[in-house]
Amino acid sequence: MKVLRWTTILGGAAVAVYGAFGLLTAPEIRQPRQVGYWLLGGVVLHDLVLAPVVFVLCWAATRRTTPRVRRILAAALLVAGATTLVAAPVLLHGRVATR
């Protein structure tokens, strides 16, 4: 288990370093600091707003529904979340995600 944990940690760190290097050296990104602020804001928004709301909603669903309903609800929310991530650029900015 420790080998898997450390492999995952090192793999994640390698991806983060690769992404940071790409962010700082890409000529088409003229304001890497602003992009960094935007990314940091996304992390803060997720950790301080989105995650607690999801935890509270899951806790409420666990207390008020049956296991069968919970499975259906979890599948529906997973699909809705993934669809929202894919559709966000079009809905917010009228652009199609190209990458």
C-alpha atoms as a PDB file:
ATOM      1  CA  MET A   1       0.000   0.000   0.000  1.00  0.00           C
ATOM      2  CA  LYS A   2       2.870   2.372   0.760  1.00  0.00           C
ATOM      3  CA  VAL A   3       4.357   1.780  -2.689  1.00  0.00           C
ATOM      4  CA  LEU A   4       1.051   2.670  -4.346  1.00  0.00           C
ATOM      5  CA  ARG A   5       0.681   5.759  -2.163  1.00  0.00           C
ATOM      6  CA  TRP A   6       4.170   7.042  -2.932  1.00  0.00           C
ATOM      7  CA  THR A   7       3.822   6.237  -6.621  1.00  0.00           C
ATOM      8  CA  THR A   8       0.618   8.265  -6.717  1.00  0.00           C
ATOM      9  CA  ILE A   9       2.179  11.153  -4.785  1.00  0.00           C
ATOM     10  CA  LEU A  10       5.252  11.255  -7.012  1.00  0.00           C
ATOM     11  CA  GLY A  11       3.143  10.973 -10.158  1.00  0.00           C
ATOM     12  CA  GLY A  12       0.938  13.859  -9.027  1.00  0.00           C
ATOM     13  CA  ALA A  13       3.967  15.965  -8.144  1.00  0.00           C
ATOM     14  CA  ALA A  14       5.513  15.266 -11.552  1.00  0.00           C
ATOM     15  CA  VAL A  15       2.321  16.340 -13.315  1.00  0.00           C
ATOM     16  CA  ALA A  16       2.174  19.514 -11.186  1.00  0.00           C
ATOM     17  CA  VAL A  17       5.794  20.401 -11.995  1.00  0.00           C
ATOM     18  CA  TYR A  18       5.195  19.746 -15.698  1.00  0.00           C
ATOM     19  CA  GLY A  19       2.104  21.970 -15.640  1.00  0.00           C
ATOM     20  CA  ALA A  20       3.871  24.765 -13.763  1.00  0.00           C
ATOM     21  CA  PHE A  21       6.805  24.629 -16.177  1.00  0.00           C
ATOM     22  CA  GLY A  22       4.412  24.798 -19.120  1.00  0.00           C
ATOM     23  CA  LEU A  23       2.554  27.710 -17.536  1.00  0.00           C
ATOM     24  CA  LEU A  24       5.721  29.706 -16.931  1.00  0.00           C
ATOM     25  CA  THR A  25       7.383  29.032 -20.291  1.00  0.00           C
ATOM     26  CA  ALA A  26       4.465  29.100 -22.768  1.00  0.00           C
ATOM     27  CA  PRO A  27       4.812  32.176 -25.001  1.00  0.00           C
ATOM     28  CA  GLU A  28       1.059  32.452 -25.569  1.00  0.00           C
ATOM     29  CA  ILE A  29       0.440  32.996 -21.847  1.00  0.00           C
ATOM     30  CA  ARG A  30       1.344  36.635 -21.314  1.00  0.00           C
ATOM     31  CA  GLN A  31       0.250  36.888 -17.673  1.00  0.00           C
ATOM     32  CA  PRO A  32       1.202  33.673 -15.873  1.00  0.00           C
ATOM     33  CA  ARG A  33       0.747  35.304 -12.471  1.00  0.00           C
ATOM     34  CA  GLN A  34      -2.899  36.085 -13.261  1.00  0.00           C
ATOM     35  CA  VAL A  35      -3.422  32.494 -14.395  1.00  0.00           C
ATOM     36  CA  GLY A  36      -1.860  31.324 -11.132  1.00  0.00           C
ATOM     37  CA  TYR A  37      -4.251  33.539  -9.148  1.00  0.00           C
ATOM     38  CA  TRP A  38      -7.163  32.125 -11.123  1.00  0.00           C
ATOM     39  CA  LEU A  39      -6.051  28.543 -10.438  1.00  0.00           C
ATOM     40  CA  LEU A  40      -5.524  29.290  -6.739  1.00  0.00           C
ATOM     41  CA  GLY A  41      -8.972  30.885  -6.601  1.00  0.00           C
ATOM     42  CA  GLY A  42     -10.450  27.705  -8.045  1.00  0.00           C
ATOM     43  CA  VAL A  43      -8.789  25.612  -5.349  1.00  0.00           C
ATOM     44  CA  VAL A  44      -9.981  27.942  -2.586  1.00  0.00           C
ATOM     45  CA  LEU A  45     -13.514  28.068  -4.008  1.00  0.00           C
ATOM     46  CA  HIS A  46     -13.614  24.278  -4.198  1.00  0.00           C
ATOM     47  CA  ASP A  47     -12.237  23.685  -0.708  1.00  0.00           C
ATOM     48  CA  LEU A  48     -14.147  26.410   1.146  1.00  0.00           C
ATOM     49  CA  VAL A  49     -17.476  26.481  -0.714  1.00  0.00           C
ATOM     50  CA  LEU A  50     -18.170  23.587  -3.047  1.00  0.00           C
ATOM     51  CA  ALA A  51     -16.826  20.660  -0.995  1.00  0.00           C
ATOM     52  CA  PRO A  52     -18.622  21.631   2.255  1.00  0.00           C
ATOM     53  CA  VAL A  53     -21.911  22.100   0.379  1.00  0.00           C
ATOM     54  CA  VAL A  54     -21.552  18.684  -1.262  1.00  0.00           C
ATOM     55  CA  PHE A  55     -20.709  17.055   2.078  1.00  0.00           C
ATOM     56  CA  VAL A  56     -23.776  18.576   3.748  1.00  0.00           C
ATOM     57  CA  LEU A  57     -26.041  17.527   0.879  1.00  0.00           C
ATOM     58  CA  CYS A  58     -24.629  13.985   0.946  1.00  0.00           C
ATOM     59  CA  TRP A  59     -25.100  13.795   4.700  1.00  0.00           C
ATOM     60  CA  ALA A  60     -28.719  14.950   4.334  1.00  0.00           C
ATOM     61  CA  ALA A  61     -29.342  12.450   1.531  1.00  0.00           C
ATOM     62  CA  THR A  62     -27.856   9.650   3.634  1.00  0.00           C
ATOM     63  CA  ARG A  63     -30.146  10.478   6.526  1.00  0.00           C
ATOM     64  CA  ARG A  64     -33.339  10.789   4.464  1.00  0.00           C
ATOM     65  CA  THR A  65     -33.146   8.221   1.654  1.00  0.00           C
ATOM     66  CA  THR A  66     -32.836   4.485   1.177  1.00  0.00           C
ATOM     67  CA  PRO A  67     -29.671   2.843  -0.190  1.00  0.00           C
ATOM     68  CA  ARG A  68     -31.354   2.231  -3.569  1.00  0.00           C
ATOM     69  CA  VAL A  69     -32.314   5.896  -3.941  1.00  0.00           C
ATOM     70  CA  ARG A  70     -28.800   6.926  -2.869  1.00  0.00           C
ATOM     71  CA  ARG A  71     -27.216   4.854  -5.650  1.00  0.00           C
ATOM     72  CA  ILE A  72     -29.517   6.382  -8.260  1.00  0.00           C
ATOM     73  CA  LEU A  73     -28.928   9.873  -6.878  1.00  0.00           C
ATOM     74  CA  ALA A  74     -25.152   9.369  -6.858  1.00  0.00           C
ATOM     75  CA  ALA A  75     -25.149   8.202 -10.486  1.00  0.00           C
ATOM     76  CA  ALA A  76     -27.338  11.113 -11.575  1.00  0.00           C
ATOM     77  CA  LEU A  77     -25.161  13.655  -9.772  1.00  0.00           C
ATOM     78  CA  LEU A  78     -21.986  12.157 -11.232  1.00  0.00           C
ATOM     79  CA  VAL A  79     -23.357  12.471 -14.766  1.00  0.00           C
ATOM     80  CA  ALA A  80     -24.676  15.983 -14.076  1.00  0.00           C
ATOM     81  CA  GLY A  81     -21.323  17.110 -12.680  1.00  0.00           C
ATOM     82  CA  ALA A  82     -19.336  15.742 -15.607  1.00  0.00           C
ATOM     83  CA  THR A  83     -21.773  17.267 -18.101  1.00  0.00           C
ATOM     84  CA  THR A  84     -21.540  20.633 -16.359  1.00  0.00           C
ATOM     85  CA  LEU A  85     -17.745  20.597 -16.576  1.00  0.00           C
ATOM     86  CA  VAL A  86     -17.841  19.868 -20.292  1.00  0.00           C
ATOM     87  CA  ALA A  87     -20.607  22.391 -21.022  1.00  0.00           C
ATOM     88  CA  ALA A  88     -19.277  25.255 -18.863  1.00  0.00           C
ATOM     89  CA  PRO A  89     -17.177  26.974 -21.586  1.00  0.00           C
ATOM     90  CA  VAL A  90     -20.122  27.055 -23.973  1.00  0.00           C
ATOM     91  CA  LEU A  91     -22.630  28.150 -21.350  1.00  0.00           C
ATOM     92  CA  LEU A  92     -20.430  30.822 -19.791  1.00  0.00           C
ATOM     93  CA  HIS A  93     -18.536  32.206 -22.766  1.00  0.00           C
ATOM     94  CA  GLY A  94     -20.150  30.851 -25.911  1.00  0.00           C
ATOM     95  CA  ARG A  95     -16.957  28.984 -26.806  1.00  0.00           C
ATOM     96  CA  VAL A  96     -16.457  25.343 -27.610  1.00  0.00           C
ATOM     97  CA  ALA A  97     -13.739  23.569 -25.630  1.00  0.00           C
ATOM     98  CA  THR A  98     -11.061  22.615 -28.157  1.00  0.00           C
ATOM     99  CA  ARG A  99      -8.692  20.692 -25.888  1.00  0.00           C
END
